């Protein structure tokens, strides 16, 4: 039986806020809400399209670290701070998940933790049987 495993991006915020980027439990991966921070450049891009792409990059790396692939995603939730930016986010979702087509929800929220954050994405993945 596979034990529960915690995946981290190495961000100090994960420890201080008491969360993991992802939790692997058996054949499931639960990836925490992920914002558009660029961990390579250590910056937050201003535009929502770049933020959405960064979300998926971080999610993809967390899934890979846990032994999953993007095609294992079965559920996604998208949070945007402005309804007018939903189309831009959904275009990135389509280019990233268009063939995977997980069950998904998009919500317009009053705000995220920091004002520069415009999108947050969380996913659940289930390892496919070989």
N, C-alpha and C. Protein backbone atom coordinates (compact mmCIF):
# COMPACT_ATOMS: atom_id res chain seq x y z
N UNK A 1 0.84 -1.19 0.00
CA UNK A 1 0.00 0.00 0.00
C UNK A 1 0.88 1.24 0.00
N UNK A 2 0.53 2.18 -0.85
CA UNK A 2 1.29 3.41 -0.96
C UNK A 2 0.92 4.36 0.17
N UNK A 3 1.93 4.96 0.79
CA UNK A 3 1.64 5.89 1.88
C UNK A 3 1.43 7.30 1.36
N UNK A 4 0.87 8.11 2.20
CA UNK A 4 0.65 9.51 1.86
C UNK A 4 1.99 10.22 1.72
N UNK A 5 2.10 11.06 0.70
CA UNK A 5 3.34 11.76 0.42
C UNK A 5 3.05 13.23 0.15
N UNK A 6 3.88 14.10 0.68
CA UNK A 6 3.72 15.54 0.50
C UNK A 6 4.71 16.03 -0.54
N UNK A 7 4.22 16.87 -1.46
CA UNK A 7 5.06 17.45 -2.51
C UNK A 7 5.17 18.95 -2.24
N UNK A 8 6.40 19.47 -2.35
CA UNK A 8 6.65 20.89 -2.09
C UNK A 8 7.33 21.53 -3.28
N UNK A 9 7.06 22.82 -3.48
CA UNK A 9 7.80 23.58 -4.50
C UNK A 9 9.07 24.16 -3.90
N UNK A 10 9.21 24.05 -2.58
CA UNK A 10 10.35 24.64 -1.90
C UNK A 10 10.08 26.04 -1.41
N UNK A 11 8.87 26.53 -1.64
CA UNK A 11 8.50 27.86 -1.19
C UNK A 11 8.43 27.89 0.33
N UNK A 12 9.06 28.88 0.97
CA UNK A 12 8.98 28.96 2.44
C UNK A 12 7.54 29.20 2.91
N UNK A 13 6.70 29.74 2.04
CA UNK A 13 5.31 30.01 2.40
C UNK A 13 4.55 28.72 2.71
N UNK A 14 4.93 27.63 2.03
CA UNK A 14 4.25 26.36 2.27
C UNK A 14 4.37 25.95 3.75
N UNK A 15 5.57 26.08 4.28
CA UNK A 15 5.76 25.70 5.69
C UNK A 15 5.09 26.69 6.64
N UNK A 16 5.25 27.99 6.37
CA UNK A 16 4.68 28.98 7.29
C UNK A 16 3.16 28.98 7.25
N UNK A 17 2.58 28.64 6.09
CA UNK A 17 1.11 28.60 5.97
C UNK A 17 0.56 27.21 6.27
N UNK A 18 1.44 26.23 6.42
CA UNK A 18 1.01 24.89 6.79
C UNK A 18 0.29 24.12 5.69
N UNK A 19 0.84 24.17 4.47
CA UNK A 19 0.23 23.40 3.39
C UNK A 19 1.31 22.81 2.50
N UNK A 20 0.91 21.88 1.64
CA UNK A 20 1.80 21.28 0.64
C UNK A 20 1.30 21.68 -0.73
N UNK A 21 2.18 21.76 -1.69
CA UNK A 21 1.77 22.03 -3.07
C UNK A 21 0.84 20.91 -3.53
N UNK A 22 1.18 19.67 -3.15
CA UNK A 22 0.33 18.54 -3.50
C UNK A 22 0.44 17.48 -2.42
N UNK A 23 -0.63 16.71 -2.30
CA UNK A 23 -0.64 15.55 -1.43
C UNK A 23 -0.96 14.35 -2.31
N UNK A 24 -0.07 13.37 -2.26
CA UNK A 24 -0.28 12.13 -3.01
C UNK A 24 -0.81 11.11 -2.01
N UNK A 25 -1.94 10.53 -2.34
CA UNK A 25 -2.56 9.52 -1.47
C UNK A 25 -3.04 8.39 -2.36
N UNK A 26 -2.28 7.30 -2.39
CA UNK A 26 -2.62 6.19 -3.26
C UNK A 26 -2.54 6.61 -4.72
N UNK A 27 -3.63 6.38 -5.44
CA UNK A 27 -3.68 6.73 -6.86
C UNK A 27 -4.18 8.14 -7.11
N UNK A 28 -4.31 8.93 -6.06
CA UNK A 28 -4.80 10.30 -6.21
C UNK A 28 -3.72 11.33 -5.87
N UNK A 29 -3.77 12.43 -6.61
CA UNK A 29 -2.93 13.61 -6.31
C UNK A 29 -3.87 14.79 -6.16
N UNK A 30 -3.75 15.46 -5.04
CA UNK A 30 -4.55 16.65 -4.75
C UNK A 30 -3.60 17.84 -4.78
N UNK A 31 -3.70 18.67 -5.82
CA UNK A 31 -2.79 19.80 -5.96
C UNK A 31 -3.48 21.05 -5.43
N UNK A 32 -2.81 21.72 -4.51
CA UNK A 32 -3.35 22.93 -3.87
C UNK A 32 -3.57 24.03 -4.89
N UNK A 33 -4.40 24.99 -4.51
CA UNK A 33 -4.59 26.17 -5.33
C UNK A 33 -3.23 26.76 -5.65
N UNK A 34 -2.99 27.00 -6.93
CA UNK A 34 -1.68 27.43 -7.42
C UNK A 34 -1.85 28.75 -8.17
N UNK A 35 -1.11 29.75 -7.75
CA UNK A 35 -1.17 31.05 -8.42
C UNK A 35 -0.08 31.13 -9.48
N UNK A 36 -0.03 32.24 -10.19
CA UNK A 36 0.83 32.39 -11.36
C UNK A 36 2.25 32.80 -11.09
N UNK A 37 2.74 32.57 -9.90
CA UNK A 37 4.12 32.93 -9.57
C UNK A 37 5.10 32.17 -10.45
N UNK A 38 6.10 32.86 -10.96
CA UNK A 38 7.15 32.23 -11.76
C UNK A 38 8.32 31.92 -10.83
N UNK A 39 8.46 30.65 -10.45
CA UNK A 39 9.49 30.25 -9.50
C UNK A 39 10.89 30.31 -10.10
N UNK A 40 11.01 30.29 -11.43
CA UNK A 40 12.32 30.40 -12.07
C UNK A 40 12.85 31.82 -11.95
N UNK A 41 12.00 32.80 -12.26
CA UNK A 41 12.40 34.21 -12.20
C UNK A 41 12.11 34.83 -10.84
N UNK A 42 11.35 34.11 -10.00
CA UNK A 42 10.94 34.60 -8.68
C UNK A 42 10.16 35.92 -8.82
N UNK A 43 9.21 35.92 -9.77
CA UNK A 43 8.39 37.09 -10.02
C UNK A 43 6.95 36.67 -10.30
N UNK A 44 6.05 37.63 -10.25
CA UNK A 44 4.65 37.42 -10.62
C UNK A 44 4.42 38.24 -11.88
N UNK A 45 4.16 37.60 -13.03
CA UNK A 45 3.90 38.38 -14.24
C UNK A 45 2.65 39.23 -14.08
N UNK A 46 2.59 40.32 -14.79
CA UNK A 46 1.44 41.24 -14.68
C UNK A 46 0.21 40.71 -15.42
N UNK A 47 0.42 39.98 -16.53
CA UNK A 47 -0.74 39.58 -17.34
C UNK A 47 -1.28 38.21 -16.92
N UNK A 48 -2.58 38.06 -17.04
CA UNK A 48 -3.26 36.86 -16.56
C UNK A 48 -2.92 35.62 -17.41
N UNK A 49 -2.66 35.80 -18.69
CA UNK A 49 -2.30 34.66 -19.53
C UNK A 49 -1.00 34.03 -19.06
N UNK A 50 0.00 34.85 -18.79
CA UNK A 50 1.28 34.33 -18.27
C UNK A 50 1.08 33.70 -16.90
N UNK A 51 0.25 34.32 -16.07
CA UNK A 51 -0.02 33.75 -14.75
C UNK A 51 -0.66 32.37 -14.88
N UNK A 52 -1.63 32.23 -15.78
CA UNK A 52 -2.30 30.94 -15.96
C UNK A 52 -1.32 29.89 -16.46
N UNK A 53 -0.46 30.27 -17.39
CA UNK A 53 0.55 29.31 -17.87
C UNK A 53 1.50 28.90 -16.75
N UNK A 54 1.88 29.86 -15.90
CA UNK A 54 2.74 29.53 -14.76
C UNK A 54 2.04 28.60 -13.78
N UNK A 55 0.74 28.82 -13.58
CA UNK A 55 -0.03 27.91 -12.72
C UNK A 55 0.12 26.47 -13.21
N UNK A 56 -0.11 26.28 -14.50
CA UNK A 56 -0.04 24.93 -15.05
C UNK A 56 1.38 24.37 -15.04
N UNK A 57 2.38 25.24 -15.20
CA UNK A 57 3.77 24.77 -15.12
C UNK A 57 4.06 24.24 -13.72
N UNK A 58 3.66 24.99 -12.70
CA UNK A 58 3.88 24.55 -11.32
C UNK A 58 3.08 23.29 -11.02
N UNK A 59 1.84 23.24 -11.47
CA UNK A 59 1.00 22.06 -11.27
C UNK A 59 1.63 20.85 -11.95
N UNK A 60 2.09 21.03 -13.19
CA UNK A 60 2.72 19.92 -13.92
C UNK A 60 3.95 19.38 -13.21
N UNK A 61 4.75 20.28 -12.65
CA UNK A 61 5.95 19.86 -11.92
C UNK A 61 5.59 19.12 -10.64
N UNK A 62 4.56 19.59 -9.94
CA UNK A 62 4.13 18.90 -8.71
C UNK A 62 3.60 17.51 -9.04
N UNK A 63 2.81 17.42 -10.11
CA UNK A 63 2.30 16.11 -10.52
C UNK A 63 3.44 15.17 -10.89
N UNK A 64 4.39 15.67 -11.66
CA UNK A 64 5.54 14.86 -12.07
C UNK A 64 6.31 14.37 -10.85
N UNK A 65 6.55 15.27 -9.89
CA UNK A 65 7.25 14.88 -8.66
C UNK A 65 6.52 13.77 -7.92
N UNK A 66 5.20 13.72 -8.07
CA UNK A 66 4.41 12.69 -7.41
C UNK A 66 4.18 11.45 -8.25
N UNK A 67 4.76 11.42 -9.46
CA UNK A 67 4.62 10.25 -10.32
C UNK A 67 3.37 10.28 -11.20
N UNK A 68 2.85 11.46 -11.44
CA UNK A 68 1.66 11.64 -12.27
C UNK A 68 2.01 12.44 -13.51
N UNK A 69 1.09 12.47 -14.46
CA UNK A 69 1.23 13.31 -15.66
C UNK A 69 -0.03 14.16 -15.76
N UNK A 70 0.05 15.19 -16.58
CA UNK A 70 -1.10 16.09 -16.75
C UNK A 70 -2.34 15.33 -17.21
N UNK A 71 -2.17 14.30 -18.02
CA UNK A 71 -3.31 13.53 -18.52
C UNK A 71 -4.06 12.82 -17.40
N UNK A 72 -3.47 12.74 -16.21
CA UNK A 72 -4.14 12.11 -15.06
C UNK A 72 -5.14 13.06 -14.39
N UNK A 73 -5.15 14.33 -14.76
CA UNK A 73 -6.06 15.30 -14.13
C UNK A 73 -7.50 14.93 -14.43
N UNK A 74 -8.31 14.83 -13.36
CA UNK A 74 -9.73 14.50 -13.52
C UNK A 74 -10.65 15.63 -13.08
N UNK A 75 -10.12 16.59 -12.33
CA UNK A 75 -10.93 17.69 -11.80
C UNK A 75 -10.08 18.94 -11.75
N UNK A 76 -10.66 20.08 -12.14
CA UNK A 76 -9.94 21.36 -12.06
C UNK A 76 -10.91 22.45 -11.61
N UNK A 77 -10.39 23.35 -10.79
CA UNK A 77 -11.16 24.52 -10.38
C UNK A 77 -10.31 25.75 -10.66
N UNK A 78 -10.92 26.72 -11.35
CA UNK A 78 -10.24 27.95 -11.73
C UNK A 78 -10.89 29.11 -10.98
N UNK A 79 -10.07 29.94 -10.37
CA UNK A 79 -10.55 31.14 -9.68
C UNK A 79 -9.95 32.34 -10.40
N UNK A 80 -10.79 33.27 -10.83
CA UNK A 80 -10.32 34.50 -11.46
C UNK A 80 -10.89 35.68 -10.69
N UNK A 81 -10.14 36.77 -10.67
CA UNK A 81 -10.57 37.94 -9.90
C UNK A 81 -11.43 38.89 -10.72
N UNK A 82 -11.51 38.69 -12.03
CA UNK A 82 -12.35 39.53 -12.88
C UNK A 82 -13.01 38.65 -13.94
N UNK A 83 -14.32 38.77 -14.08
CA UNK A 83 -15.04 37.99 -15.08
C UNK A 83 -14.51 38.26 -16.48
N UNK A 84 -14.06 39.47 -16.71
CA UNK A 84 -13.56 39.84 -18.04
C UNK A 84 -12.29 39.08 -18.43
N UNK A 85 -11.60 38.49 -17.47
CA UNK A 85 -10.37 37.75 -17.79
C UNK A 85 -10.61 36.25 -17.91
N UNK A 86 -11.85 35.82 -17.74
CA UNK A 86 -12.15 34.39 -17.82
C UNK A 86 -11.78 33.81 -19.19
N UNK A 87 -12.08 34.52 -20.26
CA UNK A 87 -11.77 34.00 -21.60
C UNK A 87 -10.28 33.75 -21.78
N UNK A 88 -9.43 34.64 -21.29
CA UNK A 88 -7.98 34.46 -21.41
C UNK A 88 -7.52 33.24 -20.64
N UNK A 89 -8.06 33.05 -19.44
CA UNK A 89 -7.70 31.89 -18.63
C UNK A 89 -8.20 30.61 -19.30
N UNK A 90 -9.43 30.63 -19.77
CA UNK A 90 -9.99 29.44 -20.41
C UNK A 90 -9.25 29.08 -21.69
N UNK A 91 -8.69 30.06 -22.39
CA UNK A 91 -7.87 29.76 -23.57
C UNK A 91 -6.62 28.98 -23.18
N UNK A 92 -6.00 29.36 -22.06
CA UNK A 92 -4.83 28.62 -21.57
C UNK A 92 -5.26 27.23 -21.09
N UNK A 93 -6.41 27.15 -20.44
CA UNK A 93 -6.92 25.84 -20.01
C UNK A 93 -7.14 24.94 -21.22
N UNK A 94 -7.68 25.50 -22.28
CA UNK A 94 -7.93 24.72 -23.48
C UNK A 94 -6.63 24.23 -24.11
N UNK A 95 -5.62 25.10 -24.17
CA UNK A 95 -4.35 24.67 -24.78
C UNK A 95 -3.64 23.65 -23.91
N UNK A 96 -3.86 23.68 -22.60
CA UNK A 96 -3.19 22.77 -21.69
C UNK A 96 -3.99 21.48 -21.46
N UNK A 97 -5.29 21.61 -21.33
CA UNK A 97 -6.12 20.47 -20.95
C UNK A 97 -7.16 20.08 -22.00
N UNK A 98 -7.07 20.66 -23.19
CA UNK A 98 -8.08 20.45 -24.22
C UNK A 98 -8.36 19.01 -24.57
N UNK A 99 -7.32 18.17 -24.61
CA UNK A 99 -7.51 16.76 -24.90
C UNK A 99 -7.81 15.94 -23.66
N UNK A 100 -7.49 16.48 -22.50
CA UNK A 100 -7.70 15.77 -21.23
C UNK A 100 -9.15 15.93 -20.76
N UNK A 101 -9.64 17.15 -20.88
CA UNK A 101 -11.02 17.52 -20.58
C UNK A 101 -11.51 17.04 -19.20
N UNK A 102 -10.85 17.51 -18.13
CA UNK A 102 -11.32 17.15 -16.79
C UNK A 102 -12.65 17.85 -16.47
N UNK A 103 -13.35 17.33 -15.48
CA UNK A 103 -14.50 18.05 -14.94
C UNK A 103 -13.95 19.35 -14.37
N UNK A 104 -14.61 20.47 -14.65
CA UNK A 104 -14.02 21.75 -14.25
C UNK A 104 -15.08 22.76 -13.85
N UNK A 105 -14.64 23.71 -13.02
CA UNK A 105 -15.48 24.81 -12.57
C UNK A 105 -14.64 26.08 -12.62
N UNK A 106 -15.25 27.18 -13.05
CA UNK A 106 -14.57 28.48 -12.97
C UNK A 106 -15.41 29.39 -12.09
N UNK A 107 -14.73 30.06 -11.19
CA UNK A 107 -15.40 30.96 -10.24
C UNK A 107 -14.77 32.35 -10.34
N UNK A 108 -15.60 33.36 -10.26
CA UNK A 108 -15.12 34.73 -10.17
C UNK A 108 -15.17 35.09 -8.69
N UNK A 109 -14.02 35.47 -8.14
CA UNK A 109 -13.91 35.75 -6.71
C UNK A 109 -13.57 37.21 -6.49
N UNK A 110 -13.83 37.70 -5.29
CA UNK A 110 -13.57 39.10 -4.96
C UNK A 110 -12.08 39.42 -4.97
N UNK A 111 -11.25 38.44 -4.70
CA UNK A 111 -9.82 38.66 -4.68
C UNK A 111 -9.09 37.42 -4.22
N UNK A 112 -7.78 37.43 -4.44
CA UNK A 112 -6.91 36.36 -3.96
C UNK A 112 -6.03 36.95 -2.87
N UNK A 113 -5.10 36.17 -2.36
CA UNK A 113 -4.30 36.58 -1.21
C UNK A 113 -3.59 37.92 -1.41
N UNK A 114 -3.03 38.12 -2.60
CA UNK A 114 -2.32 39.37 -2.89
C UNK A 114 -2.93 40.00 -4.14
N UNK A 115 -2.98 41.32 -4.19
CA UNK A 115 -3.67 41.99 -5.30
C UNK A 115 -3.09 41.68 -6.68
N UNK A 116 -1.80 41.35 -6.77
CA UNK A 116 -1.21 41.04 -8.08
C UNK A 116 -1.60 39.66 -8.60
N UNK A 117 -2.19 38.84 -7.74
CA UNK A 117 -2.64 37.50 -8.15
C UNK A 117 -3.99 37.63 -8.85
N UNK A 118 -4.04 37.17 -10.10
CA UNK A 118 -5.26 37.31 -10.89
C UNK A 118 -5.97 35.99 -11.14
N UNK A 119 -5.26 34.88 -10.95
CA UNK A 119 -5.84 33.55 -11.20
C UNK A 119 -5.22 32.55 -10.23
N UNK A 120 -6.02 31.59 -9.85
CA UNK A 120 -5.54 30.48 -9.02
C UNK A 120 -6.22 29.22 -9.56
N UNK A 121 -5.43 28.15 -9.67
CA UNK A 121 -5.94 26.90 -10.24
C UNK A 121 -5.59 25.75 -9.29
N UNK A 122 -6.58 24.89 -9.05
CA UNK A 122 -6.32 23.68 -8.27
C UNK A 122 -6.83 22.48 -9.05
N UNK A 123 -6.15 21.35 -8.90
CA UNK A 123 -6.56 20.15 -9.64
C UNK A 123 -6.48 18.91 -8.75
N UNK A 124 -7.23 17.92 -9.19
CA UNK A 124 -7.14 16.58 -8.61
C UNK A 124 -6.81 15.65 -9.77
N UNK A 125 -5.90 14.72 -9.52
CA UNK A 125 -5.51 13.74 -10.54
C UNK A 125 -5.67 12.34 -9.99
N UNK A 126 -5.97 11.42 -10.87
CA UNK A 126 -6.05 10.00 -10.52
C UNK A 126 -5.16 9.24 -11.49
N UNK A 127 -4.24 8.49 -10.91
CA UNK A 127 -3.30 7.72 -11.74
C UNK A 127 -4.08 6.73 -12.59
N UNK A 128 -3.76 6.70 -13.86
CA UNK A 128 -4.44 5.79 -14.78
C UNK A 128 -3.87 4.39 -14.63
N UNK A 129 -4.70 3.39 -14.80
CA UNK A 129 -4.24 2.01 -14.77
C UNK A 129 -3.42 1.73 -16.02
N UNK A 130 -2.41 0.94 -15.87
CA UNK A 130 -1.54 0.62 -17.02
C UNK A 130 -2.19 -0.42 -17.91
